[in-house]
Amino acid sequence: MKKIMISLLIIPIVLAGCVQKEILDDVNLETGSAYDYVGNKIRGTALVPVYLPDKAVENKTFSATSTLSRDFLRDVQRQSSDPLVTGSLKVVLFGEQLAKKKGILDLIDSFQRDSSIGAVLYLAVTEGEAKDLIEGNYGKRGNAVYLSNLIRHNMETKDMPKTNLQLFLFDFYQNGKTPYLPRIRSIGEDQIEISGISFFNIGRVVDTIPAAKMFYFKLLVDEYSKGTLKVKLGKERVSVESIRSKFKMRLASRNPHTVNVQLKVKAVLNEYSGNLVTPQKIKGIEKNLQKEIEFECEKLIKRFQQEDIDPVGFGHFVKSKTRGFNFKKWGNVGYQQLKVNVRADVSITESGVIQ
């Protein structure tokens, strides 16, 4: 028994000696990366924060060009004085040309195979080259923190639906569902904004909706906790905020396939340009909101059908309700012939500021 106990104590010591140790002061932590398609090659840029004595963060970058995406980290190591590790990677940017022409599947595959990279890694497509954007100077906490916070904040409280590495891969491998990522752009030396949502087909961007349409898309695929929408009531302007929403789909018919989408929206009237908000005017605002939401959502769905993409996931939903579902037939004609009826139930729970 004594020999067994001694052996059990020795095993963890031996195994611990097999683990490669990485001391934080002796490595460069890659917190962000950017990829571009330049001259039929992939150029990767690694972002490493350098912490200065005054607690400010300097954004240092390393770039390398290769024909293979997996060679990027190996090539960049030759430029770094300390080993470059990916365990702190927060955000990855894909340049516009790369996302449209080459595609991002090889890069995505390398991320999912790297056990040190977390599943909640934020991904985004950039307008122009990703290298130019990641080399900016955005705040005192470093570019990677700024970019990841920008994306997270807009997903949690604004019009961007939730997405990350894990959710992108889930949609990609899901039959009847199209993955999407936020599209970002620079609007100044130290400012970035989310300018839309890009949709992928086999790893390439095939369509992008502008920021003005993001609100309606999020109603179809995600639940709002907060949000903002401006509408008109005659000559008066109305701002509706603190929106909470839920969506539900129901298969109404299989011949032809018909799906009813029910949206329930609760909102607060934050601003009204008229003199007095009466119960009748609130009813009018609710009715206008309802019509606008139904019109814009159905318009988006028709656009997706024309582009042969399905980010709402109608194919996956219909399959879950149909025995012996044929995805090949659905992809050829079924999705394009799908009829979708959107119905919105809008209620304004309270009114706020009146101008």
Protein backbone atom coordinates (compact mmCIF):
# COMPACT_ATOMS: atom_id res chain seq x y z
CA MET A 1 0.00 0.00 0.00
CA LYS A 2 2.91 2.29 0.87
CA LYS A 3 4.51 1.69 -2.55
CA ILE A 4 1.22 2.48 -4.28
CA MET A 5 0.88 5.78 -2.42
CA ILE A 6 4.46 6.77 -3.31
CA SER A 7 3.79 5.96 -7.00
CA LEU A 8 0.62 8.09 -7.01
CA LEU A 9 2.57 11.03 -5.61
CA ILE A 10 5.35 10.68 -8.21
CA ILE A 11 3.00 10.55 -11.25
CA PRO A 12 1.70 14.18 -10.96
CA ILE A 13 5.28 15.42 -10.51
CA VAL A 14 6.40 13.62 -13.68
CA LEU A 15 3.37 14.83 -15.66
CA ALA A 16 3.85 18.40 -14.46
CA GLY A 17 7.37 18.31 -15.87
CA CYS A 18 5.90 17.65 -19.33
CA VAL A 19 3.86 20.88 -19.40
CA GLN A 20 5.47 23.83 -21.16
CA LYS A 21 5.60 26.78 -18.78
CA GLU A 22 4.88 30.30 -20.00
CA ILE A 23 5.72 33.21 -17.69
CA LEU A 24 3.77 36.36 -18.56
CA ASP A 25 6.84 38.59 -18.42
CA ASP A 26 8.66 36.33 -20.88
CA VAL A 27 6.02 36.13 -23.65
CA ASN A 28 4.17 38.49 -26.00
CA LEU A 29 0.42 38.07 -25.60
CA GLU A 30 -1.39 38.46 -28.90
CA THR A 31 -4.70 40.17 -28.09
CA GLY A 32 -5.87 40.93 -31.63
CA SER A 33 -5.10 39.99 -35.21
CA ALA A 34 -6.00 41.21 -38.69
CA TYR A 35 -5.93 39.42 -42.03
CA ASP A 36 -5.88 40.89 -45.55
CA TYR A 37 -5.69 39.53 -49.09
CA VAL A 38 -2.74 41.22 -50.79
CA GLY A 39 -1.30 40.08 -54.13
CA ASN A 40 -2.85 36.58 -53.96
CA LYS A 41 -1.34 36.09 -50.51
CA ILE A 42 -2.65 36.43 -46.99
CA ARG A 43 -1.08 39.12 -44.84
CA GLY A 44 -1.53 38.65 -41.12
CA THR A 45 -1.00 41.33 -38.49
CA ALA A 46 -0.64 40.46 -34.81
CA LEU A 47 -1.49 43.05 -32.15
CA VAL A 48 0.51 42.92 -28.91
CA PRO A 49 -0.10 45.36 -26.03
CA VAL A 50 2.95 46.91 -24.39
CA TYR A 51 2.24 48.17 -20.87
CA LEU A 52 4.07 51.41 -20.13
CA PRO A 53 5.17 52.66 -16.66
CA ASP A 54 2.35 55.26 -16.59
CA LYS A 55 -0.16 52.36 -17.02
CA ALA A 56 -0.95 53.39 -20.60
CA VAL A 57 -0.94 50.75 -23.34
CA GLU A 58 1.13 50.98 -26.50
CA ASN A 59 -0.20 49.03 -29.50
CA LYS A 60 2.63 47.09 -31.14
CA THR A 61 2.04 45.08 -34.31
CA PHE A 62 3.91 42.40 -36.27
CA SER A 63 3.04 41.57 -39.88
CA ALA A 64 3.89 38.69 -42.19
CA THR A 65 2.70 37.51 -45.60
CA SER A 66 2.20 33.89 -46.63
CA THR A 67 0.29 31.71 -49.06
CA LEU A 68 -0.91 29.55 -46.16
CA SER A 69 -2.89 31.02 -43.28
CA ARG A 70 -1.36 28.62 -40.74
CA ASP A 71 2.16 29.90 -41.53
CA PHE A 72 1.32 33.36 -40.20
CA LEU A 73 2.13 32.80 -36.51
CA ARG A 74 5.33 30.93 -37.34
CA ASP A 75 6.56 33.74 -39.61
CA VAL A 76 5.69 36.46 -37.10
CA GLN A 77 7.65 34.66 -34.36
CA ARG A 78 10.85 35.61 -36.19
CA GLN A 79 10.06 39.29 -35.58
CA SER A 80 9.24 38.99 -31.88
CA SER A 81 11.87 39.16 -29.12
CA ASP A 82 9.73 36.86 -26.95
CA PRO A 83 7.48 33.93 -27.85
CA LEU A 84 4.14 35.08 -29.28
CA VAL A 85 1.17 33.26 -27.73
CA THR A 86 -2.53 33.41 -28.63
CA GLY A 87 -4.11 32.63 -25.26
CA SER A 88 -5.34 36.21 -24.79
CA LEU A 89 -6.78 36.71 -28.28
CA LYS A 90 -9.92 38.86 -28.02
CA VAL A 91 -10.75 39.97 -31.57
CA VAL A 92 -9.92 39.01 -35.17
CA LEU A 93 -10.53 41.30 -38.14
CA PHE A 94 -10.89 40.19 -41.77
CA GLY A 95 -10.21 42.67 -44.55
CA GLU A 96 -12.92 43.34 -47.11
CA GLN A 97 -11.05 41.81 -50.09
CA LEU A 98 -10.09 38.70 -48.13
CA ALA A 99 -13.66 38.12 -46.97
CA LYS A 100 -15.06 38.55 -50.49
CA LYS A 101 -12.45 36.91 -52.73
CA LYS A 102 -10.43 34.38 -50.75
CA GLY A 103 -12.84 33.63 -47.94
CA ILE A 104 -12.16 33.10 -44.24
CA LEU A 105 -12.78 29.36 -43.78
CA ASP A 106 -9.09 28.38 -43.57
CA LEU A 107 -8.49 30.98 -40.90
CA ILE A 108 -11.62 30.04 -38.97
CA ASP A 109 -10.52 26.40 -39.09
CA SER A 110 -7.12 27.27 -37.61
CA PHE A 111 -8.81 29.16 -34.76
CA GLN A 112 -11.11 26.30 -33.82
CA ARG A 113 -8.18 23.86 -33.80
CA ASP A 114 -6.16 26.06 -31.42
CA SER A 115 -7.09 24.96 -27.89
CA SER A 116 -5.69 28.17 -26.39
CA ILE A 117 -8.27 30.35 -28.23
CA GLY A 118 -11.62 30.84 -26.49
CA ALA A 119 -14.95 30.15 -28.17
CA VAL A 120 -16.22 33.68 -27.44
CA LEU A 121 -13.56 35.24 -29.67
CA TYR A 122 -15.11 38.20 -31.51
CA LEU A 123 -14.84 38.30 -35.31
CA ALA A 124 -15.54 41.20 -37.68
CA VAL A 125 -15.21 42.24 -41.33
CA THR A 126 -13.62 45.60 -42.05
CA GLU A 127 -14.25 48.19 -44.73
CA GLY A 128 -10.88 48.47 -46.45
CA GLU A 129 -7.80 46.71 -45.09
CA ALA A 130 -7.93 45.21 -41.62
CA LYS A 131 -4.27 46.10 -40.99
CA ASP A 132 -4.99 49.82 -41.25
CA LEU A 133 -7.80 49.56 -38.75
CA ILE A 134 -6.02 47.46 -36.13
CA GLU A 135 -2.97 49.74 -36.22
CA GLY A 136 -5.00 52.75 -35.05
CA ASN A 137 -5.01 54.17 -31.55
CA TYR A 138 -8.28 53.64 -29.71
CA GLY A 139 -8.22 54.50 -26.04
CA LYS A 140 -5.83 53.87 -23.16
CA ARG A 141 -6.60 50.18 -22.63
CA GLY A 142 -5.34 49.00 -26.01
CA ASN A 143 -6.95 48.40 -29.39
CA ALA A 144 -8.03 44.83 -28.70
CA VAL A 145 -9.95 45.81 -25.57
CA TYR A 146 -11.55 48.73 -27.39
CA LEU A 147 -12.63 46.62 -30.38
CA SER A 148 -13.95 43.70 -28.33
CA ASN A 149 -15.86 46.07 -26.02
CA LEU A 150 -17.30 47.90 -29.04
CA ILE A 151 -18.66 44.66 -30.51
CA ARG A 152 -19.87 43.26 -27.18
CA HIS A 153 -21.62 46.50 -26.19
CA ASN A 154 -23.50 46.70 -29.50
CA MET A 155 -24.59 43.08 -29.17
CA GLU A 156 -25.81 43.43 -25.60
CA THR A 157 -27.51 46.83 -25.74
CA LYS A 158 -27.85 47.90 -29.38
CA ASP A 159 -28.76 46.56 -32.84
CA MET A 160 -26.06 43.94 -33.50
CA PRO A 161 -27.25 40.31 -33.05
CA LYS A 162 -25.03 38.06 -30.95
CA THR A 163 -22.20 36.31 -32.79
CA ASN A 164 -18.69 35.09 -32.03
CA LEU A 165 -16.38 32.26 -33.11
CA GLN A 166 -18.58 29.58 -31.52
CA LEU A 167 -21.86 30.95 -32.91
CA PHE A 168 -20.34 31.51 -36.37
CA LEU A 169 -19.18 27.89 -36.52
CA PHE A 170 -22.53 26.64 -35.21
CA ASP A 171 -24.38 28.49 -38.00
CA PHE A 172 -21.84 27.40 -40.62
CA TYR A 173 -22.19 23.69 -39.83
CA GLN A 174 -25.96 23.96 -39.42
CA ASN A 175 -27.94 23.03 -42.53
CA GLY A 176 -30.42 25.78 -43.35
CA LYS A 177 -28.59 28.60 -41.54
CA THR A 178 -26.25 31.30 -42.86
CA PRO A 179 -23.49 32.75 -40.62
CA TYR A 180 -22.93 36.50 -40.29
CA LEU A 181 -20.45 38.92 -38.73
CA PRO A 182 -20.43 42.64 -37.87
CA ARG A 183 -18.90 45.00 -40.41
CA ILE A 184 -16.80 47.82 -38.96
CA ARG A 185 -15.10 50.90 -40.33
CA SER A 186 -12.89 53.75 -39.20
CA ILE A 187 -14.58 57.16 -38.87
CA GLY A 188 -11.57 59.04 -37.53
CA GLU A 189 -8.08 58.64 -36.13
CA ASP A 190 -9.38 57.25 -32.85
CA GLN A 191 -12.92 56.13 -33.66
CA ILE A 192 -14.56 53.02 -35.13
CA GLU A 193 -18.19 52.21 -35.74
CA ILE A 194 -20.24 49.16 -36.69
CA SER A 195 -21.46 49.98 -40.19
CA GLY A 196 -23.54 46.89 -40.97
CA ILE A 197 -23.74 43.10 -41.00
CA SER A 198 -22.00 40.87 -43.57
CA PHE A 199 -23.46 37.50 -44.58
CA PHE A 200 -21.38 34.52 -45.71
CA ASN A 201 -21.85 31.70 -48.16
CA ILE A 202 -19.17 28.98 -48.03
CA GLY A 203 -16.88 31.34 -46.14
CA ARG A 204 -17.18 34.33 -48.47
CA VAL A 205 -19.13 37.54 -47.97
CA VAL A 206 -22.02 37.62 -50.44
CA ASP A 207 -24.17 40.40 -49.04
CA THR A 208 -24.08 43.20 -46.47
CA ILE A 209 -26.90 45.19 -44.94
CA PRO A 210 -26.30 48.76 -43.68
CA ALA A 211 -26.58 49.85 -40.06
CA ALA A 212 -30.07 51.27 -40.69
CA LYS A 213 -31.40 47.72 -41.33
CA MET A 214 -29.70 46.06 -38.37
CA PHE A 215 -32.60 46.80 -36.02
CA TYR A 216 -35.06 44.80 -38.14
CA PHE A 217 -32.65 41.92 -38.66
CA LYS A 218 -32.04 41.60 -34.93
CA LEU A 219 -35.79 41.40 -34.34
CA LEU A 220 -35.81 38.29 -36.57
CA VAL A 221 -32.87 36.42 -35.04
CA ASP A 222 -32.26 37.68 -31.50
CA GLU A 223 -34.08 39.00 -28.47
CA TYR A 224 -33.67 42.66 -27.69
CA SER A 225 -32.89 43.90 -24.22
CA LYS A 226 -32.39 47.47 -25.34
CA GLY A 227 -32.50 49.32 -28.62
CA THR A 228 -33.46 52.49 -30.44
CA LEU A 229 -35.81 53.25 -33.33
CA LYS A 230 -36.98 56.54 -34.80
CA VAL A 231 -40.30 56.79 -36.65
CA LYS A 232 -42.57 59.49 -38.05
CA LEU A 233 -46.14 60.27 -37.09
CA GLY A 234 -47.31 62.77 -39.69
CA LYS A 235 -45.01 65.79 -39.37
CA GLU A 236 -43.89 64.80 -35.90
CA ARG A 237 -40.76 62.83 -35.00
CA VAL A 238 -40.79 60.00 -32.51
CA SER A 239 -37.90 58.24 -30.79
CA VAL A 240 -38.59 54.86 -29.21
CA GLU A 241 -36.01 53.35 -26.87
CA SER A 242 -35.48 50.61 -24.28
CA ILE A 243 -37.05 48.07 -26.64
CA ARG A 244 -37.59 44.49 -25.51
CA SER A 245 -38.55 41.96 -28.10
CA LYS A 246 -39.27 38.26 -28.63
CA PHE A 247 -39.79 36.33 -31.84
CA LYS A 248 -41.57 33.09 -32.59
CA MET A 249 -41.93 31.08 -35.82
CA ARG A 250 -44.76 28.74 -36.77
CA LEU A 251 -45.01 26.47 -39.79
CA ALA A 252 -48.45 27.32 -41.20
CA SER A 253 -48.32 25.16 -44.36
CA ARG A 254 -46.10 22.63 -46.14
CA ASN A 255 -47.62 22.97 -49.60
CA PRO A 256 -46.48 25.55 -50.30
CA HIS A 257 -44.16 26.06 -47.34
CA THR A 258 -45.44 29.01 -45.32
CA VAL A 259 -43.94 30.34 -42.10
CA ASN A 260 -45.59 32.86 -39.81
CA VAL A 261 -43.22 35.01 -37.77
CA GLN A 262 -44.67 36.66 -34.67
CA LEU A 263 -42.74 39.58 -33.16
CA LYS A 264 -43.65 41.00 -29.77
CA VAL A 265 -42.10 44.38 -29.05
CA LYS A 266 -42.35 46.44 -25.86
CA ALA A 267 -40.97 49.95 -25.92
CA VAL A 268 -40.71 53.28 -24.15
CA LEU A 269 -41.53 56.54 -25.91
CA ASN A 270 -38.39 58.53 -25.21
CA GLU A 271 -38.87 61.59 -27.40
CA TYR A 272 -41.84 63.21 -29.17
CA SER A 273 -41.59 66.44 -31.14
CA GLY A 274 -45.28 67.34 -30.71
CA ASN A 275 -46.87 69.22 -27.83
CA LEU A 276 -48.92 66.52 -26.13
CA VAL A 277 -48.78 62.75 -26.08
CA THR A 278 -52.36 61.48 -25.88
CA PRO A 279 -53.50 57.85 -25.69
CA GLN A 280 -54.74 58.20 -29.28
CA LYS A 281 -51.30 59.34 -30.47
CA ILE A 282 -49.63 56.47 -28.63
CA LYS A 283 -51.96 54.09 -30.45
CA GLY A 284 -51.00 55.79 -33.72
CA ILE A 285 -47.30 55.42 -32.95
CA GLU A 286 -47.79 51.74 -32.11
CA LYS A 287 -49.64 51.18 -35.38
CA ASN A 288 -46.96 52.98 -37.42
CA LEU A 289 -44.23 50.99 -35.69
CA GLN A 290 -46.07 47.76 -36.37
CA LYS A 291 -46.45 48.52 -40.09
CA GLU A 292 -42.84 49.63 -40.44
CA ILE A 293 -41.46 46.55 -38.67
CA GLU A 294 -43.58 44.17 -40.75
CA PHE A 295 -42.67 45.90 -44.01
CA GLU A 296 -38.93 46.12 -43.33
CA CYS A 297 -38.63 42.57 -41.99
CA GLU A 298 -40.46 41.06 -44.97
CA LYS A 299 -38.32 43.17 -47.29
CA LEU A 300 -35.17 41.81 -45.65
CA ILE A 301 -36.39 38.21 -45.96
CA LYS A 302 -37.09 38.66 -49.68
CA ARG A 303 -33.60 40.10 -50.10
CA PHE A 304 -32.10 37.05 -48.38
CA GLN A 305 -34.09 34.74 -50.67
CA GLN A 306 -32.82 36.58 -53.76
CA GLU A 307 -29.22 36.29 -52.51
CA ASP A 308 -29.78 32.59 -51.62
CA ILE A 309 -28.73 33.08 -48.00
CA ASP A 310 -30.72 32.15 -44.91
CA PRO A 311 -29.40 34.02 -41.83
CA VAL A 312 -32.81 33.79 -40.13
CA GLY A 313 -32.62 29.98 -40.28
CA PHE A 314 -35.91 29.15 -42.02
CA GLY A 315 -34.39 26.02 -43.56
CA HIS A 316 -33.34 24.68 -40.17
CA PHE A 317 -36.75 25.53 -38.70
CA VAL A 318 -38.76 23.86 -41.49
CA LYS A 319 -36.53 20.78 -41.30
CA SER A 320 -37.21 20.47 -37.57
CA LYS A 321 -40.96 20.40 -38.33
CA THR A 322 -40.87 18.10 -41.40
CA ARG A 323 -40.20 14.37 -41.48
CA GLY A 324 -38.03 13.23 -44.39
CA PHE A 325 -37.01 16.79 -45.22
CA ASN A 326 -34.98 17.07 -48.46
CA PHE A 327 -32.34 19.80 -48.15
CA LYS A 328 -31.27 19.41 -51.79
CA LYS A 329 -34.78 20.18 -53.00
CA TRP A 330 -35.06 22.99 -50.45
CA GLY A 331 -31.82 24.56 -51.70
CA ASN A 332 -32.84 24.37 -55.35
CA VAL A 333 -36.38 25.76 -55.22
CA GLY A 334 -37.91 25.36 -51.77
CA TYR A 335 -36.31 28.34 -50.05
CA GLN A 336 -37.00 30.73 -52.94
CA GLN A 337 -40.66 29.68 -52.96
CA LEU A 338 -41.04 29.96 -49.19
CA LYS A 339 -43.76 32.37 -48.07
CA VAL A 340 -43.12 34.31 -44.88
CA ASN A 341 -45.73 36.38 -43.07
CA VAL A 342 -44.39 38.76 -40.42
CA ARG A 343 -46.78 40.05 -37.78
CA ALA A 344 -45.69 42.53 -35.15
CA ASP A 345 -47.37 43.23 -31.83
CA VAL A 346 -46.06 46.58 -30.57
CA SER A 347 -46.92 48.09 -27.19
CA ILE A 348 -45.55 51.32 -25.72
CA THR A 349 -45.51 50.88 -21.96
CA GLU A 350 -44.68 54.45 -20.99
CA SER A 351 -43.79 57.86 -22.41
CA GLY A 352 -40.78 59.99 -21.48
CA VAL A 353 -39.41 63.32 -22.68
CA ILE A 354 -41.70 65.62 -24.72
CA GLN A 355 -40.26 68.44 -26.83
